C-alpha atoms as a PDB file:
ATOM      1  CA  UNK A   1      10.026 -19.714 -21.120  1.00  0.00           C
ATOM      2  CA  UNK A   2      11.543 -17.429 -24.223  1.00  0.00           C
ATOM      3  CA  UNK A   3      10.431 -14.372 -24.570  1.00  0.00           C
ATOM      4  CA  UNK A   4       8.283 -14.088 -27.472  1.00  0.00           C
ATOM      5  CA  UNK A   5       6.698 -17.173 -25.383  1.00  0.00           C
ATOM      6  CA  UNK A   6       6.063 -14.328 -22.825  1.00  0.00           C
ATOM      7  CA  UNK A   7       4.871 -11.740 -24.656  1.00  0.00           C
ATOM      8  CA  UNK A   8       2.317 -14.463 -27.511  1.00  0.00           C
ATOM      9  CA  UNK A   9       0.897 -15.516 -23.960  1.00  0.00           C
ATOM     10  CA  UNK A  10       0.422 -12.053 -22.326  1.00  0.00           C
ATOM     11  CA  UNK A  11      -1.348 -10.876 -25.342  1.00  0.00           C
ATOM     12  CA  UNK A  12      -3.916 -14.249 -25.799  1.00  0.00           C
ATOM     13  CA  UNK A  13      -4.416 -13.648 -21.566  1.00  0.00           C
ATOM     14  CA  UNK A  14      -6.008 -10.400 -21.354  1.00  0.00           C
ATOM     15  CA  UNK A  15      -9.001 -11.311 -20.250  1.00  0.00           C
ATOM     16  CA  UNK A  16      -7.899 -14.318 -18.315  1.00  0.00           C
ATOM     17  CA  UNK A  17      -7.711 -15.094 -15.052  1.00  0.00           C
ATOM     18  CA  UNK A  18      -4.615 -16.241 -13.195  1.00  0.00           C
ATOM     19  CA  UNK A  19      -5.813 -19.521 -13.689  1.00  0.00           C
ATOM     20  CA  UNK A  20      -5.870 -18.747 -16.870  1.00  0.00           C
ATOM     21  CA  UNK A  21     -10.203 -19.304 -17.283  1.00  0.00           C
ATOM     22  CA  UNK A  22     -11.737 -17.138 -19.265  1.00  0.00           C
ATOM     23  CA  UNK A  23     -13.110 -13.577 -17.298  1.00  0.00           C
ATOM     24  CA  UNK A  24     -16.002 -13.895 -19.765  1.00  0.00           C
ATOM     25  CA  UNK A  25     -17.841 -10.855 -21.711  1.00  0.00           C
ATOM     26  CA  UNK A  26     -15.525  -8.002 -20.563  1.00  0.00           C
ATOM     27  CA  UNK A  27     -17.368  -5.290 -18.911  1.00  0.00           C
ATOM     28  CA  UNK A  28     -18.549  -2.067 -19.785  1.00  0.00           C
ATOM     29  CA  UNK A  29     -19.081   1.435 -17.979  1.00  0.00           C
ATOM     30  CA  UNK A  30     -22.705   2.477 -18.099  1.00  0.00           C
ATOM     31  CA  UNK A  31     -22.135   5.741 -20.371  1.00  0.00           C
ATOM     32  CA  UNK A  32     -20.529   3.451 -23.058  1.00  0.00           C
ATOM     33  CA  UNK A  33     -22.659   2.808 -26.699  1.00  0.00           C
ATOM     34  CA  UNK A  34     -24.152  -0.695 -25.452  1.00  0.00           C
ATOM     35  CA  UNK A  35     -26.824   1.386 -23.022  1.00  0.00           C
ATOM     36  CA  UNK A  36     -29.569   2.352 -25.580  1.00  0.00           C
ATOM     37  CA  UNK A  37     -30.494   6.417 -26.467  1.00  0.00           C
ATOM     38  CA  UNK A  38     -30.098   7.809 -24.440  1.00  0.00           C
ATOM     39  CA  UNK A  39     -32.334  10.642 -22.847  1.00  0.00           C
ATOM     40  CA  UNK A  40     -31.737  14.625 -22.665  1.00  0.00           C
ATOM     41  CA  UNK A  41     -33.906  16.508 -20.181  1.00  0.00           C
ATOM     42  CA  UNK A  42     -34.918  19.670 -21.628  1.00  0.00           C
ATOM     43  CA  UNK A  43     -34.184  22.315 -19.199  1.00  0.00           C
ATOM     44  CA  UNK A  44     -36.522  25.969 -20.192  1.00  0.00           C
ATOM     45  CA  UNK A  45     -34.171  28.805 -19.941  1.00  0.00           C
ATOM     46  CA  UNK A  46     -35.136  32.470 -21.148  1.00  0.00           C
ATOM     47  CA  UNK A  47     -32.396  33.886 -24.054  1.00  0.00           C
ATOM     48  CA  UNK A  48     -30.507  36.503 -23.313  1.00  0.00           C
ATOM     49  CA  UNK A  49     -31.033  38.154 -26.514  1.00  0.00           C
ATOM     50  CA  UNK A  50     -35.009  37.968 -27.492  1.00  0.00           C
ATOM     51  CA  UNK A  51     -35.967  36.797 -23.362  1.00  0.00           C
ATOM     52  CA  UNK A  52     -38.511  34.080 -24.736  1.00  0.00           C
ATOM     53  CA  UNK A  53     -38.535  31.214 -22.644  1.00  0.00           C
ATOM     54  CA  UNK A  54     -37.321  28.474 -24.778  1.00  0.00           C
ATOM     55  CA  UNK A  55     -35.875  24.964 -24.025  1.00  0.00           C
ATOM     56  CA  UNK A  56     -32.215  23.644 -24.294  1.00  0.00           C
ATOM     57  CA  UNK A  57     -30.772  19.583 -24.572  1.00  0.00           C
ATOM     58  CA  UNK A  58     -28.415  20.371 -20.909  1.00  0.00           C
ATOM     59  CA  UNK A  59     -28.752  22.041 -17.094  1.00  0.00           C
ATOM     60  CA  UNK A  60     -26.742  25.741 -17.518  1.00  0.00           C
ATOM     61  CA  UNK A  61     -24.347  25.925 -14.660  1.00  0.00           C
ATOM     62  CA  UNK A  62     -22.166  29.037 -15.195  1.00  0.00           C
ATOM     63  CA  UNK A  63     -23.519  32.934 -15.817  1.00  0.00           C
ATOM     64  CA  UNK A  64     -23.096  32.156 -19.712  1.00  0.00           C
ATOM     65  CA  UNK A  65     -25.613  33.903 -22.109  1.00  0.00           C
ATOM     66  CA  UNK A  66     -28.220  31.411 -23.225  1.00  0.00           C
ATOM     67  CA  UNK A  67     -30.075  31.704 -26.493  1.00  0.00           C
ATOM     68  CA  UNK A  68     -32.911  30.028 -28.421  1.00  0.00           C
ATOM     69  CA  UNK A  69     -32.464  28.483 -30.947  1.00  0.00           C
ATOM     70  CA  UNK A  70     -33.292  31.941 -33.689  1.00  0.00           C
ATOM     71  CA  UNK A  71     -30.684  33.890 -31.699  1.00  0.00           C
ATOM     72  CA  UNK A  72     -28.084  31.269 -31.456  1.00  0.00           C
ATOM     73  CA  UNK A  73     -28.305  31.007 -35.482  1.00  0.00           C
ATOM     74  CA  UNK A  74     -27.811  34.377 -36.431  1.00  0.00           C
ATOM     75  CA  UNK A  75     -25.045  35.119 -34.159  1.00  0.00           C
ATOM     76  CA  UNK A  76     -23.030  32.303 -35.914  1.00  0.00           C
ATOM     77  CA  UNK A  77     -21.053  33.418 -38.377  1.00  0.00           C
ATOM     78  CA  UNK A  78     -21.308  32.534 -41.923  1.00  0.00           C
ATOM     79  CA  UNK A  79     -18.516  31.900 -44.053  1.00  0.00           C
ATOM     80  CA  UNK A  80     -18.379  33.294 -47.754  1.00  0.00           C
ATOM     81  CA  UNK A  81     -17.420  31.798 -50.509  1.00  0.00           C
ATOM     82  CA  UNK A  82     -14.637  34.773 -51.125  1.00  0.00           C
ATOM     83  CA  UNK A  83     -13.619  34.276 -47.700  1.00  0.00           C
ATOM     84  CA  UNK A  84     -13.246  30.020 -48.439  1.00  0.00           C
ATOM     85  CA  UNK A  85     -11.237  30.932 -51.382  1.00  0.00           C
ATOM     86  CA  UNK A  86      -9.100  32.904 -49.350  1.00  0.00           C
ATOM     87  CA  UNK A  87      -8.465  30.487 -46.731  1.00  0.00           C
ATOM     88  CA  UNK A  88      -7.745  28.122 -49.188  1.00  0.00           C
ATOM     89  CA  UNK A  89      -4.626  30.179 -51.197  1.00  0.00           C
ATOM     90  CA  UNK A  90      -3.399  30.471 -48.025  1.00  0.00           C
ATOM     91  CA  UNK A  91      -3.581  26.779 -47.154  1.00  0.00           C
ATOM     92  CA  UNK A  92      -1.940  25.989 -50.436  1.00  0.00           C
ATOM     93  CA  UNK A  93       1.408  28.941 -49.493  1.00  0.00           C
ATOM     94  CA  UNK A  94       1.853  26.937 -46.504  1.00  0.00           C
ATOM     95  CA  UNK A  95       1.316  23.256 -48.592  1.00  0.00           C
ATOM     96  CA  UNK A  96       3.767  23.923 -50.957  1.00  0.00           C
ATOM     97  CA  UNK A  97       6.079  26.065 -48.284  1.00  0.00           C
ATOM     98  CA  UNK A  98       6.215  22.602 -45.581  1.00  0.00           C
ATOM     99  CA  UNK A  99       5.858  20.426 -49.000  1.00  0.00           C
ATOM    100  CA  UNK A 100       3.178  18.316 -48.424  1.00  0.00           C
ATOM    101  CA  UNK A 101       1.566  17.473 -51.699  1.00  0.00           C
END
């Protein structure tokens, strides 16, 4: 058998047993996309900033601070248009130096 025939045969037999018979549908892990909608268990926690009771869609496992939606949105920095313009100018210079179009 020639090498190219072996390659084609190998490609063709990816889901076949030793006897050449099809093994059926490929198996998927339990976490595959075909397992249906995911369920989130909400866990009640105390916000580290305002001390209100809130819920998070995960089970906390460390000593990291936890925040409610309001405190979390206050804490996330917002980028202004002026800052974005400065970042874009710097990126343009980098792209020009690297000759990227």
